[in-house]
PDB file of N, CA and C in Angstrom:
ATOM      1  N   MET A   1     112.200  95.370  92.558  1.00  0.00           N
ATOM      2  CA  MET A   1     111.078  95.286  93.567  1.00  0.00           C
ATOM      3  C   MET A   1     110.339  96.583  93.391  1.00  0.00           C
ATOM      4  N   ILE A   2     109.105  96.333  93.451  1.00  0.00           N
ATOM      5  CA  ILE A   2     108.113  97.454  93.577  1.00  0.00           C
ATOM      6  C   ILE A   2     107.475  97.474  94.881  1.00  0.00           C
ATOM      7  N   SER A   3     107.573  98.553  95.548  1.00  0.00           N
ATOM      8  CA  SER A   3     107.046  98.654  96.935  1.00  0.00           C
ATOM      9  C   SER A   3     106.139  99.881  96.940  1.00  0.00           C
ATOM     10  N   VAL A   4     104.904  99.755  97.437  1.00  0.00           N
ATOM     11  CA  VAL A   4     103.923 100.701  97.560  1.00  0.00           C
ATOM     12  C   VAL A   4     103.544 100.774  99.107  1.00  0.00           C
ATOM     13  N   SER A   5     103.584 101.992  99.605  1.00  0.00           N
ATOM     14  CA  SER A   5     103.361 102.158 101.043  1.00  0.00           C
ATOM     15  C   SER A   5     102.305 103.162 101.325  1.00  0.00           C
ATOM     16  N   ASN A   6     101.169 102.836 101.875  1.00  0.00           N
ATOM     17  CA  ASN A   6     100.263 103.799 102.334  1.00  0.00           C
ATOM     18  C   ASN A   6      99.684 104.696 101.197  1.00  0.00           C
ATOM     19  N   LEU A   7      99.538 104.199  99.991  1.00  0.00           N
ATOM     20  CA  LEU A   7      99.123 105.035  98.903  1.00  0.00           C
ATOM     21  C   LEU A   7      97.722 105.548  98.879  1.00  0.00           C
ATOM     22  N   SER A   8      97.483 106.767  98.758  1.00  0.00           N
ATOM     23  CA  SER A   8      96.178 107.363  98.714  1.00  0.00           C
ATOM     24  C   SER A   8      95.990 108.285  97.538  1.00  0.00           C
ATOM     25  N   LYS A   9      94.848 108.375  97.025  1.00  0.00           N
ATOM     26  CA  LYS A   9      94.548 109.485  95.891  1.00  0.00           C
ATOM     27  C   LYS A   9      93.133 110.039  96.313  1.00  0.00           C
ATOM     28  N   THR A  10      93.070 111.308  96.463  1.00  0.00           N
ATOM     29  CA  THR A  10      91.806 111.969  96.627  1.00  0.00           C
ATOM     30  C   THR A  10      91.614 113.011  95.533  1.00  0.00           C
ATOM     31  N   PHE A  11      90.542 113.100  94.936  1.00  0.00           N
ATOM     32  CA  PHE A  11      90.270 113.994  93.973  1.00  0.00           C
ATOM     33  C   PHE A  11      89.233 115.005  94.431  1.00  0.00           C
ATOM     34  N   LYS A  12      89.261 116.297  93.915  1.00  0.00           N
ATOM     35  CA  LYS A  12      88.308 117.385  94.267  1.00  0.00           C
ATOM     36  C   LYS A  12      87.145 117.246  93.257  1.00  0.00           C
ATOM     37  N   VAL A  13      85.997 117.265  93.759  1.00  0.00           N
ATOM     38  CA  VAL A  13      84.734 117.099  92.804  1.00  0.00           C
ATOM     39  C   VAL A  13      83.813 118.176  93.292  1.00  0.00           C
ATOM     40  N   ASN A  14      82.587 118.183  92.767  1.00  0.00           N
ATOM     41  CA  ASN A  14      81.521 119.143  92.964  1.00  0.00           C
ATOM     42  C   ASN A  14      81.799 120.145  94.082  1.00  0.00           C
ATOM     43  N   LYS A  15      81.990 121.458  93.799  1.00  0.00           N
ATOM     44  CA  LYS A  15      82.195 122.502  94.701  1.00  0.00           C
ATOM     45  C   LYS A  15      83.335 122.253  95.795  1.00  0.00           C
ATOM     46  N   GLY A  16      84.433 121.548  95.405  1.00  0.00           N
ATOM     47  CA  GLY A  16      85.445 121.352  96.162  1.00  0.00           C
ATOM     48  C   GLY A  16      85.297 120.131  97.189  1.00  0.00           C
ATOM     49  N   GLU A  17      84.331 119.421  97.175  1.00  0.00           N
ATOM     50  CA  GLU A  17      84.165 118.224  97.860  1.00  0.00           C
ATOM     51  C   GLU A  17      85.232 117.286  97.489  1.00  0.00           C
ATOM     52  N   ALA A  18      85.779 116.461  98.452  1.00  0.00           N
ATOM     53  CA  ALA A  18      86.728 115.438  98.134  1.00  0.00           C
ATOM     54  C   ALA A  18      86.121 113.996  97.939  1.00  0.00           C
ATOM     55  N   PHE A  19      86.719 113.419  97.026  1.00  0.00           N
ATOM     56  CA  PHE A  19      86.324 111.928  96.800  1.00  0.00           C
ATOM     57  C   PHE A  19      87.618 111.087  96.833  1.00  0.00           C
ATOM     58  N   THR A  20      87.692 110.182  97.686  1.00  0.00           N
ATOM     59  CA  THR A  20      88.858 109.256  97.936  1.00  0.00           C
ATOM     60  C   THR A  20      88.763 108.150  97.073  1.00  0.00           C
ATOM     61  N   ALA A  21      89.558 108.005  96.051  1.00  0.00           N
ATOM     62  CA  ALA A  21      89.536 106.714  95.196  1.00  0.00           C
ATOM     63  C   ALA A  21      90.346 105.661  95.751  1.00  0.00           C
ATOM     64  N   VAL A  22      91.507 105.956  96.300  1.00  0.00           N
ATOM     65  CA  VAL A  22      92.432 105.001  96.896  1.00  0.00           C
ATOM     66  C   VAL A  22      92.704 105.416  98.149  1.00  0.00           C
ATOM     67  N   GLU A  23      92.642 104.337  99.229  1.00  0.00           N
ATOM     68  CA  GLU A  23      92.949 104.916 100.646  1.00  0.00           C
ATOM     69  C   GLU A  23      93.897 103.825 101.306  1.00  0.00           C
ATOM     70  N   SER A  24      95.078 104.297 101.547  1.00  0.00           N
ATOM     71  CA  SER A  24      96.099 103.555 102.405  1.00  0.00           C
ATOM     72  C   SER A  24      96.376 102.205 101.872  1.00  0.00           C
ATOM     73  N   VAL A  25      96.651 102.072 100.651  1.00  0.00           N
ATOM     74  CA  VAL A  25      97.075 100.801  99.948  1.00  0.00           C
ATOM     75  C   VAL A  25      98.520 100.564 100.134  1.00  0.00           C
ATOM     76  N   SER A  26      98.912  99.363 100.476  1.00  0.00           N
ATOM     77  CA  SER A  26     100.286  98.932 100.620  1.00  0.00           C
ATOM     78  C   SER A  26     100.437  97.511 100.012  1.00  0.00           C
ATOM     79  N   PHE A  27     101.448  97.311  99.333  1.00  0.00           N
ATOM     80  CA  PHE A  27     101.917  96.018  98.860  1.00  0.00           C
ATOM     81  C   PHE A  27     103.353  96.070  98.119  1.00  0.00           C
ATOM     82  N   SER A  28     103.886  94.866  97.916  1.00  0.00           N
ATOM     83  CA  SER A  28     105.176  94.839  97.256  1.00  0.00           C
ATOM     84  C   SER A  28     105.273  93.617  96.533  1.00  0.00           C
ATOM     85  N   PHE A  29     106.092  93.599  95.394  1.00  0.00           N
ATOM     86  CA  PHE A  29     106.280  92.373  94.662  1.00  0.00           C
ATOM     87  C   PHE A  29     107.576  92.613  93.787  1.00  0.00           C
ATOM     88  N   ASN A  30     108.174  91.484  93.311  1.00  0.00           N
ATOM     89  CA  ASN A  30     109.426  91.530  92.498  1.00  0.00           C
ATOM     90  C   ASN A  30     109.031  92.031  91.096  1.00  0.00           C
ATOM     91  N   THR A  31     109.890  92.709  90.496  1.00  0.00           N
ATOM     92  CA  THR A  31     109.655  93.281  89.136  1.00  0.00           C
ATOM     93  C   THR A  31     109.406  92.183  88.120  1.00  0.00           C
ATOM     94  N   LYS A  32     109.936  91.062  88.345  1.00  0.00           N
ATOM     95  CA  LYS A  32     109.642  89.967  87.360  1.00  0.00           C
ATOM     96  C   LYS A  32     108.293  89.212  87.594  1.00  0.00           C
ATOM     97  N   ASP A  33     107.605  89.627  88.617  1.00  0.00           N
ATOM     98  CA  ASP A  33     106.412  88.979  88.957  1.00  0.00           C
ATOM     99  C   ASP A  33     105.295  89.677  88.079  1.00  0.00           C
ATOM    100  N   ARG A  34     104.149  88.853  87.943  1.00  0.00           N
ATOM    101  CA  ARG A  34     102.944  89.525  87.470  1.00  0.00           C
ATOM    102  C   ARG A  34     101.950  89.957  88.562  1.00  0.00           C
ATOM    103  N   PHE A  35     101.583  91.141  88.593  1.00  0.00           N
ATOM    104  CA  PHE A  35     100.703  91.636  89.725  1.00  0.00           C
ATOM    105  C   PHE A  35      99.278  92.005  89.100  1.00  0.00           C
ATOM    106  N   ILE A  36      98.233  91.521  89.772  1.00  0.00           N
ATOM    107  CA  ILE A  36      96.964  91.775  89.304  1.00  0.00           C
ATOM    108  C   ILE A  36      96.083  92.466  90.435  1.00  0.00           C
ATOM    109  N   LEU A  37      95.343  93.367  90.081  1.00  0.00           N
ATOM    110  CA  LEU A  37      94.370  94.123  91.245  1.00  0.00           C
ATOM    111  C   LEU A  37      93.021  93.523  90.691  1.00  0.00           C
ATOM    112  N   LEU A  38      92.249  92.890  91.643  1.00  0.00           N
ATOM    113  CA  LEU A  38      90.940  92.610  91.343  1.00  0.00           C
ATOM    114  C   LEU A  38      90.001  93.359  92.293  1.00  0.00           C
ATOM    115  N   GLY A  39      88.862  93.733  91.927  1.00  0.00           N
ATOM    116  CA  GLY A  39      87.925  94.448  92.824  1.00  0.00           C
ATOM    117  C   GLY A  39      86.611  94.888  91.917  1.00  0.00           C
ATOM    118  N   LEU A  40      85.746  95.388  92.698  1.00  0.00           N
ATOM    119  CA  LEU A  40      84.414  95.812  92.091  1.00  0.00           C
ATOM    120  C   LEU A  40      84.653  97.087  91.286  1.00  0.00           C
ATOM    121  N   ASN A  41      83.792  97.526  90.571  1.00  0.00           N
ATOM    122  CA  ASN A  41      83.846  98.853  89.855  1.00  0.00           C
ATOM    123  C   ASN A  41      83.943  99.898  90.841  1.00  0.00           C
ATOM    124  N   GLY A  42      84.882 100.833  90.590  1.00  0.00           N
ATOM    125  CA  GLY A  42      85.020 101.997  91.512  1.00  0.00           C
ATOM    126  C   GLY A  42      85.913 101.752  92.728  1.00  0.00           C
ATOM    127  N   ALA A  43      86.510 100.508  92.704  1.00  0.00           N
ATOM    128  CA  ALA A  43      87.319 100.228  93.861  1.00  0.00           C
ATOM    129  C   ALA A  43      88.636 100.767  93.967  1.00  0.00           C
ATOM    130  N   GLY A  44      89.140 101.542  92.870  1.00  0.00           N
ATOM    131  CA  GLY A  44      90.320 102.175  92.820  1.00  0.00           C
ATOM    132  C   GLY A  44      91.448 101.568  91.985  1.00  0.00           C
ATOM    133  N   LYS A  45      91.112 100.429  91.292  1.00  0.00           N
ATOM    134  CA  LYS A  45      92.150  99.714  90.497  1.00  0.00           C
ATOM    135  C   LYS A  45      92.787 100.508  89.512  1.00  0.00           C
ATOM    136  N   SER A  46      92.024 101.226  88.573  1.00  0.00           N
ATOM    137  CA  SER A  46      92.739 101.931  87.589  1.00  0.00           C
ATOM    138  C   SER A  46      93.414 103.288  88.116  1.00  0.00           C
ATOM    139  N   THR A  47      92.939 103.781  89.216  1.00  0.00           N
ATOM    140  CA  THR A  47      93.609 104.849  89.761  1.00  0.00           C
ATOM    141  C   THR A  47      94.912 104.390  90.418  1.00  0.00           C
ATOM    142  N   THR A  48      94.953 103.273  90.916  1.00  0.00           N
ATOM    143  CA  THR A  48      96.228 102.644  91.555  1.00  0.00           C
ATOM    144  C   THR A  48      97.299 102.420  90.435  1.00  0.00           C
ATOM    145  N   PHE A  49      96.819 101.868  89.350  1.00  0.00           N
ATOM    146  CA  PHE A  49      97.710 101.568  88.165  1.00  0.00           C
ATOM    147  C   PHE A  49      98.304 103.032  87.474  1.00  0.00           C
ATOM    148  N   LYS A  50      97.351 103.949  87.480  1.00  0.00           N
ATOM    149  CA  LYS A  50      97.825 105.153  87.044  1.00  0.00           C
ATOM    150  C   LYS A  50      98.735 105.943  87.800  1.00  0.00           C
ATOM    151  N   MET A  51      98.767 105.730  89.178  1.00  0.00           N
ATOM    152  CA  MET A  51      99.768 106.217  90.056  1.00  0.00           C
ATOM    153  C   MET A  51     101.057 105.500  89.865  1.00  0.00           C
ATOM    154  N   LEU A  52     101.018 104.040  89.629  1.00  0.00           N
ATOM    155  CA  LEU A  52     102.099 103.154  89.406  1.00  0.00           C
ATOM    156  C   LEU A  52     102.925 103.559  88.229  1.00  0.00           C
ATOM    157  N   THR A  53     102.145 104.016  87.217  1.00  0.00           N
ATOM    158  CA  THR A  53     102.760 104.362  85.863  1.00  0.00           C
ATOM    159  C   THR A  53     103.043 105.941  85.759  1.00  0.00           C
ATOM    160  N   ALA A  54     102.909 106.619  86.885  1.00  0.00           N
ATOM    161  CA  ALA A  54     103.132 108.087  86.891  1.00  0.00           C
ATOM    162  C   ALA A  54     102.143 108.894  86.011  1.00  0.00           C
ATOM    163  N   GLU A  55     100.942 108.343  85.727  1.00  0.00           N
ATOM    164  CA  GLU A  55      99.963 109.172  85.025  1.00  0.00           C
ATOM    165  C   GLU A  55      99.151 110.149  85.967  1.00  0.00           C
ATOM    166  N   GLU A  56      99.135 109.709  87.235  1.00  0.00           N
ATOM    167  CA  GLU A  56      98.474 110.432  88.350  1.00  0.00           C
ATOM    168  C   GLU A  56      99.697 110.542  89.429  1.00  0.00           C
ATOM    169  N   LYS A  57      99.577 111.686  90.149  1.00  0.00           N
ATOM    170  CA  LYS A  57     100.303 111.890  91.327  1.00  0.00           C
ATOM    171  C   LYS A  57      99.613 111.454  92.497  1.00  0.00           C
ATOM    172  N   PRO A  58     100.163 110.634  93.457  1.00  0.00           N
ATOM    173  CA  PRO A  58      99.540 110.210  94.684  1.00  0.00           C
ATOM    174  C   PRO A  58      99.215 111.495  95.477  1.00  0.00           C
ATOM    175  N   THR A  59      98.123 111.461  96.247  1.00  0.00           N
ATOM    176  CA  THR A  59      97.891 112.454  97.334  1.00  0.00           C
ATOM    177  C   THR A  59      98.909 112.186  98.392  1.00  0.00           C
ATOM    178  N   SER A  60      99.119 110.980  98.794  1.00  0.00           N
ATOM    179  CA  SER A  60      99.982 110.633  99.778  1.00  0.00           C
ATOM    180  C   SER A  60     100.420 109.262  99.670  1.00  0.00           C
ATOM    181  N   GLY A  61     101.575 108.812 100.317  1.00  0.00           N
ATOM    182  CA  GLY A  61     102.143 107.491 100.312  1.00  0.00           C
ATOM    183  C   GLY A  61     103.402 107.478  99.312  1.00  0.00           C
ATOM    184  N   THR A  62     103.990 106.430  99.333  1.00  0.00           N
ATOM    185  CA  THR A  62     105.194 106.266  98.385  1.00  0.00           C
ATOM    186  C   THR A  62     105.089 104.989  97.490  1.00  0.00           C
ATOM    187  N   ILE A  63     105.653 105.199  96.362  1.00  0.00           N
ATOM    188  CA  ILE A  63     105.748 104.170  95.444  1.00  0.00           C
ATOM    189  C   ILE A  63     107.367 104.190  94.917  1.00  0.00           C
ATOM    190  N   LYS A  64     108.097 102.975  95.199  1.00  0.00           N
ATOM    191  CA  LYS A  64     109.423 102.869  94.837  1.00  0.00           C
ATOM    192  C   LYS A  64     109.498 101.663  93.820  1.00  0.00           C
ATOM    193  N   VAL A  65     110.178 101.972  92.716  1.00  0.00           N
ATOM    194  CA  VAL A  65     110.555 101.021  91.774  1.00  0.00           C
ATOM    195  C   VAL A  65     112.025 100.736  91.689  1.00  0.00           C
ATOM    196  N   ASN A  66     112.569  99.566  92.128  1.00  0.00           N
ATOM    197  CA  ASN A  66     114.071  99.322  92.116  1.00  0.00           C
ATOM    198  C   ASN A  66     114.683 100.373  93.008  1.00  0.00           C
ATOM    199  N   GLY A  67     113.984 100.706  94.052  1.00  0.00           N
ATOM    200  CA  GLY A  67     114.694 101.812  94.971  1.00  0.00           C
ATOM    201  C   GLY A  67     114.412 103.200  94.593  1.00  0.00           C
ATOM    202  N   ILE A  68     113.805 103.487  93.385  1.00  0.00           N
ATOM    203  CA  ILE A  68     113.689 104.841  93.040  1.00  0.00           C
ATOM    204  C   ILE A  68     112.210 105.348  93.337  1.00  0.00           C
ATOM    205  N   ASP A  69     112.107 106.502  94.109  1.00  0.00           N
ATOM    206  CA  ASP A  69     110.818 106.874  94.378  1.00  0.00           C
ATOM    207  C   ASP A  69     110.340 107.609  93.091  1.00  0.00           C
ATOM    208  N   ILE A  70     109.053 107.234  92.787  1.00  0.00           N
ATOM    209  CA  ILE A  70     108.541 107.823  91.455  1.00  0.00           C
ATOM    210  C   ILE A  70     108.258 109.205  91.462  1.00  0.00           C
ATOM    211  N   ARG A  71     108.138 109.895  92.596  1.00  0.00           N
ATOM    212  CA  ARG A  71     108.107 111.204  92.779  1.00  0.00           C
ATOM    213  C   ARG A  71     109.269 111.947  92.173  1.00  0.00           C
ATOM    214  N   GLU A  72     110.452 111.279  92.231  1.00  0.00           N
ATOM    215  CA  GLU A  72     111.612 111.967  91.653  1.00  0.00           C
ATOM    216  C   GLU A  72     111.732 111.949  90.157  1.00  0.00           C
ATOM    217  N   ILE A  73     110.859 111.030  89.534  1.00  0.00           N
ATOM    218  CA  ILE A  73     110.787 110.918  88.096  1.00  0.00           C
ATOM    219  C   ILE A  73     109.505 111.136  87.517  1.00  0.00           C
ATOM    220  N   HIS A  74     108.479 111.666  88.253  1.00  0.00           N
ATOM    221  CA  HIS A  74     107.215 111.741  87.864  1.00  0.00           C
ATOM    222  C   HIS A  74     107.082 112.505  86.656  1.00  0.00           C
ATOM    223  N   ASP A  75     107.884 113.633  86.388  1.00  0.00           N
ATOM    224  CA  ASP A  75     107.807 114.439  85.147  1.00  0.00           C
ATOM    225  C   ASP A  75     108.419 113.720  83.959  1.00  0.00           C
ATOM    226  N   ASN A  76     108.854 112.545  84.139  1.00  0.00           N
ATOM    227  CA  ASN A  76     109.424 111.713  83.033  1.00  0.00           C
ATOM    228  C   ASN A  76     108.659 110.424  82.822  1.00  0.00           C
ATOM    229  N   PRO A  77     107.554 110.452  82.374  1.00  0.00           N
ATOM    230  CA  PRO A  77     106.705 109.210  82.179  1.00  0.00           C
ATOM    231  C   PRO A  77     107.344 108.123  81.277  1.00  0.00           C
ATOM    232  N   GLU A  78     108.179 108.517  80.320  1.00  0.00           N
ATOM    233  CA  GLU A  78     108.885 107.554  79.520  1.00  0.00           C
ATOM    234  C   GLU A  78     109.881 106.649  80.245  1.00  0.00           C
ATOM    235  N   LEU A  79     110.503 107.247  81.313  1.00  0.00           N
ATOM    236  CA  LEU A  79     111.389 106.577  82.044  1.00  0.00           C
ATOM    237  C   LEU A  79     110.423 105.525  82.937  1.00  0.00           C
ATOM    238  N   MET A  80     109.382 105.949  83.407  1.00  0.00           N
ATOM    239  CA  MET A  80     108.459 105.050  84.208  1.00  0.00           C
ATOM    240  C   MET A  80     108.095 103.788  83.261  1.00  0.00           C
ATOM    241  N   LYS A  81     107.841 104.139  81.979  1.00  0.00           N
ATOM    242  CA  LYS A  81     107.382 103.044  81.141  1.00  0.00           C
ATOM    243  C   LYS A  81     108.528 102.019  80.852  1.00  0.00           C
ATOM    244  N   ASN A  82     109.707 102.514  80.945  1.00  0.00           N
ATOM    245  CA  ASN A  82     110.870 101.559  80.950  1.00  0.00           C
ATOM    246  C   ASN A  82     111.037 100.707  82.247  1.00  0.00           C
ATOM    247  N   LEU A  83     110.555 101.277  83.306  1.00  0.00           N
ATOM    248  CA  LEU A  83     110.733 100.511  84.580  1.00  0.00           C
ATOM    249  C   LEU A  83     109.541  99.608  84.742  1.00  0.00           C
ATOM    250  N   ILE A  84     108.378  99.865  84.427  1.00  0.00           N
ATOM    251  CA  ILE A  84     107.140  98.999  84.596  1.00  0.00           C
ATOM    252  C   ILE A  84     106.382  98.650  83.271  1.00  0.00           C
ATOM    253  N   GLY A  85     106.239  97.545  83.015  1.00  0.00           N
ATOM    254  CA  GLY A  85     105.337  97.047  81.921  1.00  0.00           C
ATOM    255  C   GLY A  85     103.900  96.981  82.496  1.00  0.00           C
ATOM    256  N   TYR A  86     103.055  97.542  81.655  1.00  0.00           N
ATOM    257  CA  TYR A  86     101.684  97.617  82.069  1.00  0.00           C
ATOM    258  C   TYR A  86     100.732  97.345  80.947  1.00  0.00           C
ATOM    259  N   CYS A  87      99.820  96.452  81.201  1.00  0.00           N
ATOM    260  CA  CYS A  87      98.747  96.019  80.221  1.00  0.00           C
ATOM    261  C   CYS A  87      97.392  96.224  80.828  1.00  0.00           C
ATOM    262  N   PRO A  88      96.694  97.427  80.465  1.00  0.00           N
ATOM    263  CA  PRO A  88      95.359  97.590  81.153  1.00  0.00           C
ATOM    264  C   PRO A  88      94.276  96.566  80.617  1.00  0.00           C
TER     265      PRO A  88
END
């Protein structure tokens, strides 16, 4: 099971201004399911998948894969790749 709860990502841009790419996203699905995000350019799809695959750290919220909080294994992207199959 993959569970995402209140996931957000904010980037610092020009002179410290903040840009929110993903705001309070929540969803869950079984690991054998296929999951697709659809949306307009700039909607945060790529950033969400980067957080799911531990390429980016979330600003807030939680991501759990089979009960494992990815913050615990964020420094081990190879382990994340074993947990989630991702085709951009």
